[in-house]
C-alpha atoms as a PDB file:
ATOM      1  CA  MET A   1     115.074  81.999  87.543  1.00  0.00           C
ATOM      2  CA  ARG A   2     115.068  85.689  86.690  1.00  0.00           C
ATOM      3  CA  TYR A   3     111.970  87.354  85.256  1.00  0.00           C
ATOM      4  CA  MET A   4     111.062  90.828  84.108  1.00  0.00           C
ATOM      5  CA  LEU A   5     107.565  91.907  85.021  1.00  0.00           C
ATOM      6  CA  LEU A   6     106.334  94.566  82.597  1.00  0.00           C
ATOM      7  CA  MET A   7     103.500  96.694  83.949  1.00  0.00           C
ATOM      8  CA  TRP A   8     101.086  98.039  81.342  1.00  0.00           C
ATOM      9  CA  ASP A   9      98.620 100.919  81.689  1.00  0.00           C
ATOM     10  CA  ASP A  10      96.835 103.496  79.564  1.00  0.00           C
ATOM     11  CA  GLU A  11      98.698 106.470  81.095  1.00  0.00           C
ATOM     12  CA  THR A  12      95.475 108.233  82.093  1.00  0.00           C
ATOM     13  CA  GLU A  13      96.421 108.577  85.768  1.00  0.00           C
ATOM     14  CA  GLY A  14      99.901 109.989  85.164  1.00  0.00           C
ATOM     15  CA  LEU A  15     101.117 109.160  88.662  1.00  0.00           C
ATOM     16  CA  SER A  16     104.691 109.912  89.681  1.00  0.00           C
ATOM     17  CA  PRO A  17     106.864 107.190  91.242  1.00  0.00           C
ATOM     18  CA  GLU A  18     106.397 108.885  94.628  1.00  0.00           C
ATOM     19  CA  GLN A  19     102.597 108.813  94.281  1.00  0.00           C
ATOM     20  CA  ILE A  20     102.653 105.125  93.349  1.00  0.00           C
ATOM     21  CA  VAL A  21     104.867 104.155  96.289  1.00  0.00           C
ATOM     22  CA  ALA A  22     102.525 106.079  98.611  1.00  0.00           C
ATOM     23  CA  ARG A  23      99.529 103.941  97.598  1.00  0.00           C
ATOM     24  CA  PRO A  24      98.715 101.321 100.238  1.00  0.00           C
ATOM     25  CA  GLU A  25      98.181  98.528  97.699  1.00  0.00           C
ATOM     26  CA  PHE A  26     101.618  99.117  96.191  1.00  0.00           C
ATOM     27  CA  SER A  27     103.293  99.345  99.614  1.00  0.00           C
ATOM     28  CA  THR A  28     101.697  96.019 100.573  1.00  0.00           C
ATOM     29  CA  TRP A  29     102.919  94.364  97.359  1.00  0.00           C
ATOM     30  CA  LEU A  30     106.403  95.825  97.784  1.00  0.00           C
ATOM     31  CA  LYS A  31     106.659  94.538 101.362  1.00  0.00           C
ATOM     32  CA  ASP A  32     105.554  91.080 100.190  1.00  0.00           C
ATOM     33  CA  VAL A  33     108.138  90.735  97.394  1.00  0.00           C
ATOM     34  CA  GLU A  34     110.903  92.185  99.552  1.00  0.00           C
ATOM     35  CA  SER A  35     110.068  89.762 102.388  1.00  0.00           C
ATOM     36  CA  ARG A  36     110.258  86.900  99.862  1.00  0.00           C
ATOM     37  CA  GLY A  37     113.675  88.171  98.780  1.00  0.00           C
ATOM     38  CA  VAL A  38     112.742  88.013  95.076  1.00  0.00           C
ATOM     39  CA  ARG A  39     112.845  91.705  94.085  1.00  0.00           C
ATOM     40  CA  HIS A  40     115.999  93.063  92.486  1.00  0.00           C
ATOM     41  CA  ARG A  41     114.776  96.444  91.348  1.00  0.00           C
ATOM     42  CA  GLY A  42     111.962  98.225  89.617  1.00  0.00           C
ATOM     43  CA  ALA A  43     111.140 101.587  88.127  1.00  0.00           C
ATOM     44  CA  ARG A  44     108.289 103.651  86.771  1.00  0.00           C
ATOM     45  CA  LEU A  45     108.845 104.736  83.170  1.00  0.00           C
ATOM     46  CA  ARG A  46     108.123 108.218  81.861  1.00  0.00           C
ATOM     47  CA  PRO A  47     105.140 108.546  79.457  1.00  0.00           C
ATOM     48  CA  ALA A  48     105.275 106.933  76.021  1.00  0.00           C
ATOM     49  CA  ALA A  49     105.129 110.419  74.436  1.00  0.00           C
ATOM     50  CA  GLU A  50     108.683 110.948  75.718  1.00  0.00           C
ATOM     51  CA  ALA A  51     109.956 107.717  74.155  1.00  0.00           C
ATOM     52  CA  ARG A  52     111.920 107.421  70.933  1.00  0.00           C
ATOM     53  CA  THR A  53     112.164 104.340  68.739  1.00  0.00           C
ATOM     54  CA  VAL A  54     115.462 103.834  66.890  1.00  0.00           C
ATOM     55  CA  ARG A  55     115.855 101.693  63.774  1.00  0.00           C
ATOM     56  CA  ILE A  56     118.500 101.340  61.084  1.00  0.00           C
ATOM     57  CA  ARG A  57     117.102 100.661  57.603  1.00  0.00           C
ATOM     58  CA  ASP A  58     119.302 100.498  54.512  1.00  0.00           C
ATOM     59  CA  GLY A  59     122.120 101.952  56.593  1.00  0.00           C
ATOM     60  CA  LYS A  60     120.074 105.017  57.584  1.00  0.00           C
ATOM     61  CA  LEU A  61     119.165 106.039  61.121  1.00  0.00           C
ATOM     62  CA  LEU A  62     115.422 106.426  61.650  1.00  0.00           C
ATOM     63  CA  VAL A  63     114.202 107.942  64.899  1.00  0.00           C
ATOM     64  CA  THR A  64     110.467 107.947  65.575  1.00  0.00           C
ATOM     65  CA  ASP A  65     108.700 109.790  68.385  1.00  0.00           C
ATOM     66  CA  GLY A  66     106.929 107.587  70.876  1.00  0.00           C
ATOM     67  CA  PRO A  67     106.712 103.815  70.961  1.00  0.00           C
ATOM     68  CA  PHE A  68     106.879 101.824  67.746  1.00  0.00           C
ATOM     69  CA  ALA A  69     103.503 100.139  68.305  1.00  0.00           C
ATOM     70  CA  GLU A  70     100.311 102.165  68.201  1.00  0.00           C
ATOM     71  CA  THR A  71      98.382 100.759  71.142  1.00  0.00           C
ATOM     72  CA  LYS A  72      96.133 102.120  73.866  1.00  0.00           C
ATOM     73  CA  ASP A  73      98.175 100.554  76.657  1.00  0.00           C
ATOM     74  CA  GLN A  74     101.867 101.274  77.124  1.00  0.00           C
ATOM     75  CA  ILE A  75     104.632  99.793  79.247  1.00  0.00           C
ATOM     76  CA  ALA A  76     104.478 101.866  82.422  1.00  0.00           C
ATOM     77  CA  GLY A  77     107.225 100.258  84.477  1.00  0.00           C
ATOM     78  CA  TYR A  78     109.100  97.115  85.292  1.00  0.00           C
ATOM     79  CA  GLU A  79     110.249  94.905  88.138  1.00  0.00           C
ATOM     80  CA  LEU A  80     113.150  92.467  88.020  1.00  0.00           C
ATOM     81  CA  VAL A  81     112.487  89.432  90.179  1.00  0.00           C
ATOM     82  CA  ASP A  82     114.303  86.174  90.854  1.00  0.00           C
ATOM     83  CA  CYS A  83     111.735  83.472  91.569  1.00  0.00           C
ATOM     84  CA  ALA A  84     112.044  79.744  92.127  1.00  0.00           C
ATOM     85  CA  ASN A  85     109.884  79.038  89.065  1.00  0.00           C
ATOM     86  CA  LEU A  86     107.192  80.424  86.775  1.00  0.00           C
ATOM     87  CA  ASP A  87     104.458  79.618  89.293  1.00  0.00           C
ATOM     88  CA  GLU A  88     106.071  81.891  91.876  1.00  0.00           C
ATOM     89  CA  ALA A  89     106.581  84.616  89.240  1.00  0.00           C
ATOM     90  CA  ILE A  90     102.870  84.397  88.377  1.00  0.00           C
ATOM     91  CA  GLU A  91     101.982  84.676  92.065  1.00  0.00           C
ATOM     92  CA  VAL A  92     104.215  87.755  92.447  1.00  0.00           C
ATOM     93  CA  ALA A  93     102.789  89.368  89.280  1.00  0.00           C
ATOM     94  CA  ALA A  94      99.205  88.617  90.325  1.00  0.00           C
ATOM     95  CA  GLY A  95      99.764  90.506  93.555  1.00  0.00           C
ATOM     96  CA  HIS A  96     100.929  93.674  91.788  1.00  0.00           C
ATOM     97  CA  PRO A  97      98.222  96.398  91.864  1.00  0.00           C
ATOM     98  CA  THR A  98      98.509  96.928  88.086  1.00  0.00           C
ATOM     99  CA  ALA A  99      97.155  93.415  87.488  1.00  0.00           C
ATOM    100  CA  THR A 100      93.728  94.441  88.838  1.00  0.00           C
ATOM    101  CA  LYS A 101      93.144  97.139  86.198  1.00  0.00           C
ATOM    102  CA  PHE A 102      95.593  96.506  83.350  1.00  0.00           C
ATOM    103  CA  SER A 103      98.122  93.711  82.893  1.00  0.00           C
ATOM    104  CA  VAL A 104     101.523  92.486  84.006  1.00  0.00           C
ATOM    105  CA  GLU A 105     103.576  90.653  81.402  1.00  0.00           C
ATOM    106  CA  ILE A 106     106.092  88.089  82.670  1.00  0.00           C
ATOM    107  CA  ARG A 107     109.211  87.600  80.561  1.00  0.00           C
ATOM    108  CA  PRO A 108     111.916  85.116  81.583  1.00  0.00           C
ATOM    109  CA  PHE A 109     115.550  85.984  80.975  1.00  0.00           C
ATOM    110  CA  TRP A 110     117.845  83.744  78.970  1.00  0.00           C
ATOM    111  CA  GLU A 111     120.163  82.292  81.579  1.00  0.00           C
ATOM    112  CA  GLY A 112     123.703  81.717  80.561  1.00  0.00           C
END
């Protein structure tokens, strides 16, 4: 089953994708998921301040700077994985370095 792992953080570190990949704990996690054959792809997202939220209300386009929700933590990146079941997805997410300081949300895809 396919899952999206959403990594959350508070954006205080501001690390680039290259800096994250260079961290030993991330390299270890990446090697693990690649050896399992469950990783499809992943990416670090740019800061929430660069985001735009788009809505249509009463036929009018509304564009808001930043994320729609006002929260301390923001979605920092994602991984697409294909795991045998939710238990394996939880195991994969628990091994991600983000889980030790912030959180990793697991969202299953609708299959069809």
